[in-house]
Amino acid sequence: MISRREMLQWGLASSAALAGLGFGNLSRAFAQQALTQDQLLQFDDFGNLTLIHITDCHAHLKPVWFREPDTNIGVGEARGRVPHVVGEAFQQMFDIAPGSAEAYALTYPDFVDLARTYGQMGGFDRIATVVKSIRAARPNSLLLDGGDTWHGSYTSLKTGGEDMVRVMNLLGSQAMTAHWEFTFGTERVTELMAMMQQPLLGANIFDKVWDEPAFEPSKIFETGGLRVGVVGQAFPYLPIANPGWIFPEYSFGIREERMQQVVDELRAEGVDLVVCLSHNGFDVDHKMASRVRGIDVILSGHTHDAIPEPVVVGETIIIASGSHGKFVSRVDLDVRDGKMMGFRHKLIPIFSDVIEPDAEMAGLVDEIRAPYEAELTEVIGKSEDLLYRRGNFNGSWDDLICEAIMSERDAEIALSPGVRWGASVLPGDITREAIHSVTSMTYGQVYRNEMSGEMLKTVMEDVADNIFNEDPYYQQGGDMVRVGGLGYTIDPYARIGNRISDMRLLKDDSPIDPARNYIVAGWASVNEGTEGPQIWDVVEDHIRKIGTVSLAPNTSITVHGD
């Protein structure tokens, strides 16, 4: 019987461009010729320094299915600019053939059919193979981790993030920054940092009491005769997007002036290159690049964008490397006389059926998972539909989660946070691991309380402004809160307080009454002392009861203004 690996090697294609500047330049012949590991990793060495970037893996150790967003609206100057281009428009922008492996990896159309052809992506044993290959060719490489690494899976929750520290130590990561890592709490972060073989950099993390830097802001690496300054930028809005009471010692923020100060200090110390290892999100990085002088490269994280080509802002290049282990970025740089003279980039797709697993990393991953294997692989139910999360307004995973919350907590309306992390599930079995992929967190209690119609409108407007404010520095992360039992119309381009209209209760199609109280249940509250069952238990109980998930298309949200 022919294996999927052999099928891929016969069914996919190579192109001369694959050996050149990047994954974004593959030809339209891609789906007709053979793809091999050597072709995926082929790169014409350039310059005298290589950066390797991974980010936002969310503790997904094994290969996954992950559908890219179907909606990613940009506002203000970002309107129509990557990463706010999706689907067929993205394919046209980067000359990607529909139905190709590149289309599967980078866009959402025909996802289920293409997934069955091209297989899963990611897996740290495959990532290790890619990293080792680059290092063999470029011993002066720097491997930098953009954060959201310790959080987002069953094993990370059970081990308190230790599983990912062990994996990144073996991979040889040389610096990281952070976001969801802090939701394990200050004490646990301190414990994990003691286990790490890399620094956690955060120029924008301050001691709240003393208002002074609390983490190492930067590190200078000497490699290949060069001095490379790496500045860490943690997620700026941690105490807003996540429960500040879990890490009360620290304050965050964009701190643009602080970034300029650290960059200037590195330049004064004579570094040849300045790299910002960022978890700002792409639009914030784009604005920062236009305002902070002296940054050569921004390695962007947080918004999970996979962009096949660097975005150039002034004299700074921005690299976006996707999420969930689907991609590794390689950036070769020509650095001379303290300046970046040129670059070459490749967004390497981690096709798990093409790239051979690294035996050492595979052994560690198996060791980590072994105590939990039975729980991870237990089948809870089945789905007739693709379960996915990404998109500005809804996703079938969150439709299911909201359905479970309303059913299990006897609520009229359900709210589910607009987080971006979580793997997709093809029609078929739903395992406990799949449920935890979209629910695992340290504050997953499902609350149930009353909320007035007026308060619901306020909440929806506040979230909409976090996402669609024209100033990226006021965008505080995530997608629109997911809703169950509630329909609404949204105009992302309207003024603050006027984006949400026509709110209605779906069970009787009645308008939401500002003066009436509704029974609302949700999860991931940032408030201390929230009580209720854990979200993964609620979802699991619901799936067990219904057996097979069948979701009608979500037509309860209307988007205007585009």
Protein backbone atom coordinates (compact mmCIF):
# COMPACT_ATOMS: atom_id res chain seq x y z
CA MET A 1 0.00 0.00 0.00
CA ILE A 2 1.30 3.45 -0.89
CA SER A 3 1.91 5.66 2.13
CA ARG A 4 0.67 9.24 2.41
CA ARG A 5 4.30 10.36 2.36
CA GLU A 6 4.81 8.60 -0.96
CA MET A 7 1.52 9.97 -2.28
CA LEU A 8 2.58 13.49 -1.39
CA GLN A 9 5.95 13.06 -3.00
CA TRP A 10 4.23 11.96 -6.20
CA GLY A 11 1.29 14.33 -5.99
CA LEU A 12 2.86 17.64 -5.01
CA ALA A 13 5.22 19.78 -7.00
CA SER A 14 8.48 21.61 -6.80
CA SER A 15 9.50 24.81 -8.47
CA ALA A 16 12.66 26.76 -8.98
CA ALA A 17 11.23 29.44 -6.72
CA LEU A 18 11.07 26.98 -3.84
CA ALA A 19 14.86 26.94 -3.84
CA GLY A 20 14.98 30.71 -3.85
CA LEU A 21 13.44 33.50 -1.86
CA GLY A 22 10.51 31.81 -0.22
CA PHE A 23 7.40 29.71 -0.04
CA GLY A 24 5.39 32.64 -1.38
CA ASN A 25 6.86 32.27 -4.89
CA LEU A 26 5.85 28.69 -5.71
CA SER A 27 4.72 28.17 -9.29
CA ARG A 28 1.31 27.02 -10.48
CA ALA A 29 2.86 23.66 -11.34
CA PHE A 30 3.14 22.95 -7.61
CA ALA A 31 0.34 20.38 -7.51
CA GLN A 32 1.59 18.31 -10.44
CA GLN A 33 5.16 17.40 -9.53
CA ALA A 34 6.89 15.73 -6.60
CA LEU A 35 7.70 17.48 -3.34
CA THR A 36 10.44 16.18 -1.10
CA GLN A 37 11.97 17.22 2.17
CA ASP A 38 15.09 18.38 0.37
CA GLN A 39 13.01 20.68 -1.81
CA LEU A 40 11.11 22.10 1.16
CA LEU A 41 14.38 22.88 2.92
CA GLN A 42 16.34 24.02 -0.14
CA PHE A 43 17.70 27.53 0.34
CA ASP A 44 20.50 29.35 -1.47
CA ASP A 45 22.64 30.61 1.39
CA PHE A 46 22.86 34.36 1.53
CA GLY A 47 24.80 36.85 3.59
CA ASN A 48 26.50 36.13 6.90
CA LEU A 49 23.72 35.65 9.47
CA THR A 50 20.59 33.49 9.72
CA LEU A 51 17.56 34.00 11.97
CA ILE A 52 15.17 31.12 12.61
CA HIS A 53 11.76 32.14 13.93
CA ILE A 54 8.89 30.14 15.40
CA THR A 55 5.95 31.58 17.30
CA ASP A 56 2.49 30.89 18.72
CA CYS A 57 2.72 27.09 18.74
CA HIS A 58 0.35 27.02 21.75
CA ALA A 59 1.97 23.85 23.07
CA HIS A 60 0.87 21.69 20.14
CA LEU A 61 3.56 19.04 20.21
CA LYS A 62 2.12 16.83 17.48
CA PRO A 63 1.06 17.59 13.90
CA VAL A 64 -2.34 19.28 13.58
CA TRP A 65 -5.02 20.38 11.19
CA PHE A 66 -5.35 24.17 11.31
CA ARG A 67 -7.60 26.13 8.96
CA GLU A 68 -6.52 29.71 8.34
CA PRO A 69 -9.10 32.51 8.84
CA ASP A 70 -11.95 33.20 6.45
CA THR A 71 -12.36 36.79 7.68
CA ASN A 72 -9.61 39.18 8.79
CA ILE A 73 -10.79 42.77 8.46
CA GLY A 74 -8.30 45.61 8.58
CA VAL A 75 -9.34 49.15 9.43
CA GLY A 76 -7.71 52.50 8.83
CA GLU A 77 -4.36 52.23 7.10
CA ALA A 78 -4.44 48.44 7.48
CA ARG A 79 -7.53 48.03 5.30
CA GLY A 80 -6.74 45.70 2.41
CA ARG A 81 -3.15 45.22 3.58
CA VAL A 82 -1.68 41.91 4.71
CA PRO A 83 -2.46 40.18 6.95
CA HIS A 84 -6.00 41.49 6.35
CA VAL A 85 -6.38 39.57 3.11
CA VAL A 86 -7.77 36.03 3.08
CA GLY A 87 -8.90 33.21 0.83
CA GLU A 88 -8.93 33.70 -2.93
CA ALA A 89 -7.75 37.32 -2.56
CA PHE A 90 -4.69 36.12 -0.65
CA GLN A 91 -4.02 33.48 -3.30
CA GLN A 92 -4.18 36.12 -6.03
CA MET A 93 -1.97 38.54 -4.10
CA PHE A 94 0.82 35.96 -3.77
CA ASP A 95 0.18 34.09 -7.05
CA ILE A 96 -0.87 30.88 -5.31
CA ALA A 97 -2.55 28.19 -7.36
CA PRO A 98 -5.97 27.17 -5.99
CA GLY A 99 -5.89 23.60 -4.74
CA SER A 100 -2.12 23.58 -4.30
CA ALA A 101 -0.27 22.63 -1.15
CA GLU A 102 0.56 26.30 -0.71
CA ALA A 103 -3.14 27.20 -0.90
CA TYR A 104 -3.88 24.54 1.71
CA ALA A 105 -1.19 25.78 4.07
CA LEU A 106 -1.92 29.49 3.80
CA THR A 107 -5.65 29.88 3.07
CA TYR A 108 -9.02 28.36 3.94
CA PRO A 109 -10.84 27.48 0.66
CA ASP A 110 -11.52 23.75 0.14
CA PHE A 111 -9.77 23.07 3.43
CA VAL A 112 -11.25 19.65 4.18
CA ASP A 113 -10.53 18.19 0.74
CA LEU A 114 -7.03 19.65 0.66
CA ALA A 115 -6.33 18.48 4.20
CA ARG A 116 -7.14 14.92 3.21
CA THR A 117 -4.74 15.23 0.30
CA TYR A 118 -1.83 17.02 1.94
CA GLY A 119 -2.06 15.82 5.54
CA GLN A 120 -1.39 17.48 8.86
CA MET A 121 1.17 20.19 9.51
CA GLY A 122 3.58 20.92 12.33
CA GLY A 123 4.89 18.66 15.04
CA PHE A 124 8.01 19.46 17.03
CA ASP A 125 9.81 16.37 15.80
CA ARG A 126 9.47 17.77 12.26
CA ILE A 127 10.34 21.29 13.41
CA ALA A 128 13.50 19.86 14.98
CA THR A 129 14.46 18.31 11.65
CA VAL A 130 14.09 21.68 9.94
CA VAL A 131 16.03 23.55 12.62
CA LYS A 132 18.87 21.03 12.57
CA SER A 133 19.07 21.23 8.79
CA ILE A 134 19.35 25.02 8.84
CA ARG A 135 21.95 24.94 11.59
CA ALA A 136 24.02 22.38 9.71
CA ALA A 137 24.21 24.77 6.76
CA ARG A 138 24.40 27.94 8.86
CA PRO A 139 26.19 27.35 12.18
CA ASN A 140 25.83 31.04 13.05
CA SER A 141 22.02 30.80 13.14
CA LEU A 142 19.94 32.24 15.97
CA LEU A 143 16.72 30.42 16.91
CA LEU A 144 14.19 32.82 18.44
CA ASP A 145 10.80 31.96 19.95
CA GLY A 146 8.02 34.55 19.76
CA GLY A 147 6.00 33.23 22.71
CA ASP A 148 2.59 31.64 23.34
CA THR A 149 4.67 28.50 23.61
CA TRP A 150 3.84 27.05 27.04
CA HIS A 151 0.05 27.32 26.82
CA GLY A 152 -2.83 25.74 24.91
CA SER A 153 -2.87 21.95 25.21
CA TYR A 154 -3.77 19.12 27.56
CA THR A 155 -0.14 18.30 28.38
CA SER A 156 0.83 21.93 28.96
CA LEU A 157 -2.08 22.30 31.39
CA LYS A 158 -1.22 19.07 33.21
CA THR A 159 2.51 19.84 33.46
CA GLY A 160 2.14 23.57 34.11
CA GLY A 161 4.10 24.40 30.96
CA GLU A 162 7.08 22.18 31.82
CA ASP A 163 6.49 20.04 28.74
CA MET A 164 7.22 22.98 26.46
CA VAL A 165 10.25 24.16 28.42
CA ARG A 166 11.77 20.70 27.94
CA VAL A 167 10.96 20.72 24.24
CA MET A 168 12.38 24.20 23.64
CA ASN A 169 15.52 23.33 25.60
CA LEU A 170 16.08 20.33 23.35
CA LEU A 171 15.31 22.36 20.24
CA GLY A 172 17.95 24.87 21.32
CA SER A 173 15.90 28.05 21.40
CA GLN A 174 18.16 30.99 22.28
CA ALA A 175 15.62 33.59 23.45
CA MET A 176 11.88 33.97 23.85
CA THR A 177 9.24 36.49 24.79
CA ALA A 178 5.79 35.80 26.23
CA HIS A 179 2.04 36.26 26.50
CA TRP A 180 -0.12 33.34 27.68
CA GLU A 181 2.89 32.04 29.61
CA PHE A 182 2.00 34.51 32.36
CA THR A 183 -1.42 32.93 32.89
CA PHE A 184 0.33 30.15 34.79
CA GLY A 185 1.00 32.78 37.45
CA THR A 186 4.09 34.60 38.66
CA GLU A 187 5.37 31.78 40.84
CA ARG A 188 5.12 29.18 38.10
CA VAL A 189 6.71 31.47 35.50
CA THR A 190 9.65 31.94 37.88
CA GLU A 191 9.97 28.17 38.34
CA LEU A 192 9.90 27.53 34.60
CA MET A 193 12.43 30.27 33.90
CA ALA A 194 14.82 28.46 36.25
CA MET A 195 14.46 25.35 34.04
CA MET A 196 14.99 27.23 30.78
CA GLN A 197 18.21 27.31 28.81
CA GLN A 198 17.25 30.62 27.20
CA PRO A 199 16.31 34.05 28.55
CA LEU A 200 12.72 35.33 28.60
CA LEU A 201 13.11 38.86 27.24
CA GLY A 202 10.63 41.64 27.90
CA ALA A 203 11.73 45.25 27.60
CA ASN A 204 8.14 46.35 28.24
CA ILE A 205 7.59 44.31 31.44
CA PHE A 206 7.88 46.50 34.54
CA ASP A 207 7.60 45.96 38.26
CA LYS A 208 4.23 47.48 39.15
CA VAL A 209 5.36 48.76 42.56
CA TRP A 210 8.74 50.21 41.64
CA ASP A 211 7.93 51.10 38.02
CA GLU A 212 11.23 49.72 36.83
CA PRO A 213 12.20 46.96 34.39
CA ALA A 214 11.35 43.52 35.79
CA PHE A 215 12.79 41.27 33.06
CA GLU A 216 15.92 41.22 30.99
CA PRO A 217 15.07 43.61 28.13
CA SER A 218 17.57 42.39 25.55
CA LYS A 219 20.50 40.13 24.91
CA ILE A 220 23.53 40.52 22.68
CA PHE A 221 24.55 37.41 20.76
CA GLU A 222 28.03 37.14 19.27
CA THR A 223 27.97 34.86 16.25
CA GLY A 224 29.88 34.65 13.00
CA GLY A 225 31.90 37.71 13.90
CA LEU A 226 28.75 39.78 14.42
CA ARG A 227 27.10 41.24 17.50
CA VAL A 228 23.33 40.86 17.28
CA GLY A 229 21.07 42.65 19.74
CA VAL A 230 17.71 40.97 20.38
CA VAL A 231 15.01 42.98 22.18
CA GLY A 232 12.03 41.19 23.69
CA GLN A 233 8.55 42.72 23.51
CA ALA A 234 5.92 40.79 25.49
CA PHE A 235 2.21 41.11 24.76
CA PRO A 236 1.40 44.69 25.78
CA TYR A 237 -2.16 44.15 27.02
CA LEU A 238 -1.75 41.17 29.32
CA PRO A 239 -3.65 42.60 32.34
CA ILE A 240 -6.54 43.62 30.05
CA ALA A 241 -6.87 40.53 27.88
CA ASN A 242 -5.97 38.09 30.68
CA PRO A 243 -6.51 38.12 34.46
CA GLY A 244 -4.07 40.61 35.96
CA TRP A 245 -4.64 39.13 39.42
CA ILE A 246 -2.66 36.03 38.32
CA PHE A 247 0.50 38.13 37.79
CA PRO A 248 -0.12 41.21 39.98
CA GLU A 249 3.56 42.13 40.26
CA TYR A 250 3.89 43.25 36.65
CA SER A 251 2.69 45.97 34.30
CA PHE A 252 3.09 45.86 30.53
CA GLY A 253 2.15 48.21 27.69
CA ILE A 254 3.59 49.01 24.27
CA ARG A 255 6.09 51.44 25.82
CA GLU A 256 7.32 52.84 22.53
CA GLU A 257 9.76 55.20 24.24
CA ARG A 258 11.21 52.29 26.21
CA MET A 259 11.72 50.33 22.98
CA GLN A 260 13.54 53.29 21.45
CA GLN A 261 15.69 53.57 24.57
CA VAL A 262 16.72 49.90 24.49
CA VAL A 263 17.43 50.03 20.75
CA ASP A 264 19.56 53.15 21.23
CA GLU A 265 21.47 51.47 24.06
CA LEU A 266 22.21 48.46 21.87
CA ARG A 267 23.39 50.69 19.07
CA ALA A 268 25.62 52.56 21.52
CA GLU A 269 27.15 49.22 22.50
CA GLY A 270 28.12 48.68 18.88
CA VAL A 271 25.78 45.91 17.78
CA ASP A 272 25.71 45.14 14.08
CA LEU A 273 22.01 44.28 13.94
CA VAL A 274 18.92 44.92 16.09
CA VAL A 275 16.13 42.34 16.13
CA CYS A 276 12.82 42.89 17.93
CA LEU A 277 11.38 39.56 19.10
CA SER A 278 7.79 40.71 19.38
CA HIS A 279 4.44 39.52 20.64
CA ASN A 280 2.72 42.81 19.81
CA GLY A 281 0.62 41.55 16.92
CA PHE A 282 1.26 42.45 13.31
CA ASP A 283 -0.51 45.82 13.05
CA VAL A 284 1.13 47.08 16.24
CA ASP A 285 4.52 45.95 14.90
CA HIS A 286 3.81 47.74 11.62
CA LYS A 287 3.13 51.00 13.45
CA MET A 288 6.10 50.56 15.79
CA ALA A 289 8.40 49.95 12.82
CA SER A 290 7.38 53.31 11.40
CA ARG A 291 8.09 55.16 14.65
CA VAL A 292 11.07 53.50 16.39
CA ARG A 293 14.42 54.10 14.72
CA GLY A 294 17.14 51.51 14.45
CA ILE A 295 15.24 48.18 14.36
CA ASP A 296 16.41 46.06 11.43
CA VAL A 297 14.10 43.05 11.84
CA ILE A 298 10.83 42.53 13.71
CA LEU A 299 9.91 38.90 14.26
CA SER A 300 6.18 39.30 14.73
CA GLY A 301 3.88 37.14 16.85
CA HIS A 302 0.49 37.06 18.59
CA THR A 303 -1.90 37.51 15.66
CA HIS A 304 -0.99 34.13 14.09
CA ASP A 305 -0.36 35.57 10.64
CA ALA A 306 1.50 33.50 8.07
CA ILE A 307 2.82 35.87 5.39
CA PRO A 308 4.94 34.40 2.59
CA GLU A 309 7.07 37.51 2.11
CA PRO A 310 8.60 40.03 4.53
CA VAL A 311 6.77 43.34 4.87
CA VAL A 312 9.12 46.29 4.58
CA VAL A 313 8.44 49.43 6.62
CA GLY A 314 11.13 52.05 6.10
CA GLU A 315 14.40 50.28 6.87
CA THR A 316 12.74 47.52 8.93
CA ILE A 317 11.53 44.14 7.71
CA ILE A 318 8.67 42.37 9.51
CA ILE A 319 8.51 38.57 9.48
CA ALA A 320 5.27 36.74 10.35
CA SER A 321 5.62 32.98 10.89
CA GLY A 322 2.10 31.70 11.47
CA SER A 323 1.05 29.55 14.42
CA HIS A 324 0.54 26.03 15.81
CA GLY A 325 3.86 24.82 14.41
CA LYS A 326 2.72 25.08 10.77
CA PHE A 327 5.72 27.13 9.67
CA VAL A 328 9.31 27.96 10.48
CA SER A 329 10.80 31.16 9.08
CA ARG A 330 14.37 31.32 7.85
CA VAL A 331 15.83 34.77 7.27
CA ASP A 332 19.33 35.14 5.83
CA LEU A 333 20.86 38.58 6.24
CA ASP A 334 23.83 40.39 4.78
CA VAL A 335 25.11 42.50 7.67
CA ARG A 336 28.08 44.77 7.12
CA ASP A 337 29.41 47.89 8.83
CA GLY A 338 26.59 47.85 11.37
CA LYS A 339 23.87 47.78 8.70
CA MET A 340 21.50 45.28 7.14
CA MET A 341 22.51 45.41 3.48
CA GLY A 342 20.11 42.76 2.17
CA PHE A 343 17.97 39.77 3.12
CA ARG A 344 16.52 36.53 1.81
CA HIS A 345 13.52 34.86 3.44
CA LYS A 346 11.64 31.61 3.32
CA LEU A 347 8.47 30.63 5.15
CA ILE A 348 9.01 26.89 5.43
CA PRO A 349 5.79 24.84 5.57
CA ILE A 350 6.00 21.93 8.00
CA PHE A 351 4.19 19.23 6.02
CA SER A 352 4.28 16.36 8.48
CA ASP A 353 3.98 13.70 5.77
CA VAL A 354 6.97 15.07 3.87
CA ILE A 355 9.45 16.05 6.61
CA GLU A 356 11.04 13.15 8.47
CA PRO A 357 10.64 13.34 12.25
CA ASP A 358 13.77 13.88 14.30
CA ALA A 359 14.23 10.78 16.45
CA GLU A 360 15.53 12.59 19.53
CA MET A 361 12.66 15.09 19.63
CA ALA A 362 10.11 12.40 18.79
CA GLY A 363 11.35 10.41 21.77
CA LEU A 364 10.95 13.39 24.11
CA VAL A 365 7.46 14.16 22.82
CA ASP A 366 6.43 10.54 23.32
CA GLU A 367 7.88 10.57 26.83
CA ILE A 368 5.94 13.73 27.71
CA ARG A 369 2.68 12.36 26.35
CA ALA A 370 2.99 8.82 27.68
CA PRO A 371 1.36 9.40 31.11
CA TYR A 372 -1.65 11.01 29.43
CA GLU A 373 -1.96 8.98 26.23
CA ALA A 374 -5.17 7.20 27.16
CA GLU A 375 -6.88 10.44 28.17
CA LEU A 376 -5.61 12.31 25.09
CA THR A 377 -6.80 9.75 22.58
CA GLU A 378 -10.18 8.88 24.09
CA VAL A 379 -12.93 9.50 21.56
CA ILE A 380 -15.69 11.66 23.07
CA GLY A 381 -17.96 11.84 20.03
CA LYS A 382 -18.04 12.51 16.31
CA SER A 383 -18.55 15.53 14.09
CA GLU A 384 -20.22 15.65 10.71
CA ASP A 385 -18.62 19.03 10.10
CA LEU A 386 -15.22 20.69 10.11
CA LEU A 387 -14.55 22.25 13.51
CA TYR A 388 -12.40 25.36 13.24
CA ARG A 389 -11.92 28.56 15.19
CA ARG A 390 -10.34 31.33 13.10
CA GLY A 391 -12.24 34.26 11.63
CA ASN A 392 -13.13 37.68 13.01
CA PHE A 393 -16.68 36.80 14.02
CA ASN A 394 -17.38 33.10 14.36
CA GLY A 395 -16.05 29.60 13.91
CA SER A 396 -17.70 26.21 14.16
CA TRP A 397 -15.64 25.22 17.22
CA ASP A 398 -16.97 28.19 19.15
CA ASP A 399 -20.48 27.62 17.81
CA LEU A 400 -20.25 24.16 19.39
CA ILE A 401 -18.77 25.55 22.61
CA CYS A 402 -21.58 28.12 22.87
CA GLU A 403 -24.16 25.42 22.19
CA ALA A 404 -22.63 23.31 24.97
CA ILE A 405 -22.61 26.22 27.41
CA MET A 406 -26.27 27.07 26.80
CA SER A 407 -27.33 23.45 27.08
CA GLU A 408 -25.26 22.43 30.10
CA ARG A 409 -25.67 25.71 32.02
CA ASP A 410 -29.29 26.40 31.06
CA ALA A 411 -28.57 29.85 29.65
CA GLU A 412 -30.32 32.05 27.10
CA ILE A 413 -27.07 33.48 25.77
CA ALA A 414 -23.52 32.12 25.71
CA LEU A 415 -20.27 34.04 25.35
CA SER A 416 -16.99 32.47 24.27
CA PRO A 417 -13.75 34.49 24.10
CA GLY A 418 -12.41 35.37 20.66
CA VAL A 419 -9.06 33.67 21.18
CA ARG A 420 -7.19 32.57 18.06
CA TRP A 421 -5.56 29.39 19.35
CA GLY A 422 -6.84 25.87 18.83
CA ALA A 423 -6.46 23.24 16.13
CA SER A 424 -9.15 22.22 13.67
CA VAL A 425 -10.93 18.85 13.56
CA LEU A 426 -11.89 17.18 10.29
CA PRO A 427 -15.27 15.42 10.09
CA GLY A 428 -14.88 12.28 12.18
CA ASP A 429 -13.77 11.56 15.72
CA ILE A 430 -13.55 14.24 18.40
CA THR A 431 -10.96 13.29 21.03
CA ARG A 432 -10.35 14.78 24.45
CA GLU A 433 -7.09 16.21 23.11
CA ALA A 434 -9.04 18.07 20.42
CA ILE A 435 -11.37 19.59 23.02
CA HIS A 436 -8.44 20.73 25.15
CA SER A 437 -6.75 22.22 22.09
CA VAL A 438 -9.46 24.91 22.07
CA THR A 439 -10.20 25.18 25.80
CA SER A 440 -7.10 24.53 27.94
CA MET A 441 -6.30 27.45 30.20
CA THR A 442 -5.79 28.14 33.89
CA TYR A 443 -9.04 30.08 34.29
CA GLY A 444 -11.56 28.05 32.31
CA GLN A 445 -14.48 28.16 34.74
CA VAL A 446 -17.90 28.53 33.12
CA TYR A 447 -19.87 31.23 34.93
CA ARG A 448 -23.63 31.79 34.83
CA ASN A 449 -25.25 35.06 35.79
CA GLU A 450 -27.72 37.73 34.77
CA MET A 451 -26.76 40.52 32.41
CA SER A 452 -28.92 43.37 31.20
CA GLY A 453 -29.44 44.03 27.53
CA GLU A 454 -27.72 47.37 28.02
CA MET A 455 -24.66 45.65 29.49
CA LEU A 456 -24.57 43.12 26.64
CA LYS A 457 -24.48 45.98 24.14
CA THR A 458 -21.68 47.66 26.10
CA VAL A 459 -19.65 44.45 26.19
CA MET A 460 -20.08 43.88 22.46
CA GLU A 461 -19.11 47.46 21.62
CA ASP A 462 -16.03 47.32 23.86
CA VAL A 463 -14.81 44.12 22.23
CA ALA A 464 -15.47 45.51 18.77
CA ASP A 465 -13.39 48.58 19.54
CA ASN A 466 -10.54 46.40 20.81
CA ILE A 467 -10.45 44.77 17.38
CA PHE A 468 -11.47 47.52 14.96
CA ASN A 469 -10.00 50.70 16.42
CA GLU A 470 -8.17 52.46 13.59
CA ASP A 471 -5.14 53.03 15.82
CA PRO A 472 -3.31 49.68 16.22
CA TYR A 473 -2.02 50.78 19.61
CA TYR A 474 -5.61 50.57 20.90
CA GLN A 475 -6.26 47.10 19.50
CA GLN A 476 -5.98 44.79 22.46
CA GLY A 477 -5.96 41.44 20.76
CA GLY A 478 -8.18 38.54 19.78
CA ASP A 479 -11.18 38.24 17.50
CA MET A 480 -14.79 39.22 18.20
CA VAL A 481 -16.37 37.52 21.22
CA ARG A 482 -18.27 34.45 20.03
CA VAL A 483 -21.96 34.35 20.90
CA GLY A 484 -24.63 31.70 21.19
CA GLY A 485 -28.33 32.45 21.31
CA LEU A 486 -27.64 36.04 20.21
CA GLY A 487 -27.67 37.60 16.75
CA TYR A 488 -26.37 41.03 15.79
CA THR A 489 -25.21 43.29 12.99
CA ILE A 490 -21.76 44.86 13.05
CA ASP A 491 -20.13 47.64 11.05
CA PRO A 492 -16.37 47.40 11.78
CA TYR A 493 -15.75 50.81 10.16
CA ALA A 494 -18.25 52.76 12.27
CA ARG A 495 -17.28 55.01 15.15
CA ILE A 496 -16.79 53.69 18.65
CA GLY A 497 -20.07 52.84 20.35
CA ASN A 498 -21.92 52.59 17.03
CA ARG A 499 -20.64 49.36 15.54
CA ILE A 500 -23.22 46.95 16.99
CA SER A 501 -26.92 47.05 16.07
CA ASP A 502 -29.96 44.81 15.63
CA MET A 503 -29.15 42.63 18.64
CA ARG A 504 -31.77 39.92 19.03
CA LEU A 505 -32.48 36.82 21.10
CA LEU A 506 -32.45 33.91 18.70
CA LYS A 507 -34.84 31.61 20.55
CA ASP A 508 -37.79 33.90 19.73
CA ASP A 509 -36.14 36.44 17.39
CA SER A 510 -37.02 39.24 19.82
CA PRO A 511 -34.95 42.46 19.99
CA ILE A 512 -32.60 42.63 22.95
CA ASP A 513 -34.28 44.83 25.53
CA PRO A 514 -31.76 47.15 27.25
CA ALA A 515 -33.82 47.06 30.45
CA ARG A 516 -34.32 43.30 30.62
CA ASN A 517 -31.97 40.87 32.36
CA TYR A 518 -30.87 37.79 30.42
CA ILE A 519 -29.33 34.55 31.70
CA VAL A 520 -25.81 34.60 30.26
CA ALA A 521 -23.11 31.96 30.62
CA GLY A 522 -19.54 32.12 29.42
CA TRP A 523 -15.95 31.25 30.25
CA ALA A 524 -12.48 32.74 30.58
CA SER A 525 -13.60 35.61 32.78
CA VAL A 526 -10.74 37.86 33.89
CA ASN A 527 -12.49 38.45 37.23
CA GLU A 528 -10.98 36.84 40.32
CA GLY A 529 -13.14 34.30 42.12
CA THR A 530 -15.18 33.17 39.11
CA GLU A 531 -16.97 29.92 39.91
CA GLY A 532 -18.33 27.15 37.74
CA PRO A 533 -17.36 23.91 36.01
CA GLN A 534 -14.36 23.85 33.68
CA ILE A 535 -15.14 24.57 30.04
CA TRP A 536 -13.57 21.34 28.77
CA ASP A 537 -15.82 19.31 31.05
CA VAL A 538 -18.89 21.25 29.88
CA VAL A 539 -18.02 20.66 26.22
CA GLU A 540 -17.18 17.01 26.79
CA ASP A 541 -20.44 16.38 28.66
CA HIS A 542 -22.42 18.00 25.87
CA ILE A 543 -20.71 16.03 23.10
CA ARG A 544 -21.21 12.77 24.97
CA LYS A 545 -24.93 13.50 25.28
CA ILE A 546 -25.50 14.29 21.61
CA GLY A 547 -23.03 11.70 20.27
CA THR A 548 -22.63 13.24 16.84
CA VAL A 549 -22.13 16.96 16.26
CA SER A 550 -24.02 18.48 13.34
CA LEU A 551 -23.87 22.27 13.11
CA ALA A 552 -26.06 24.43 10.92
CA PRO A 553 -24.26 27.31 9.20
CA ASN A 554 -24.06 30.34 11.51
CA THR A 555 -26.19 33.07 9.93
CA SER A 556 -26.84 35.08 13.08
CA ILE A 557 -24.14 37.70 12.44
CA THR A 558 -24.42 40.29 9.68
CA VAL A 559 -21.36 42.34 8.70
CA HIS A 560 -21.94 45.75 7.10
CA GLY A 561 -19.68 48.49 5.86
CA ASP A 562 -17.29 46.57 3.61
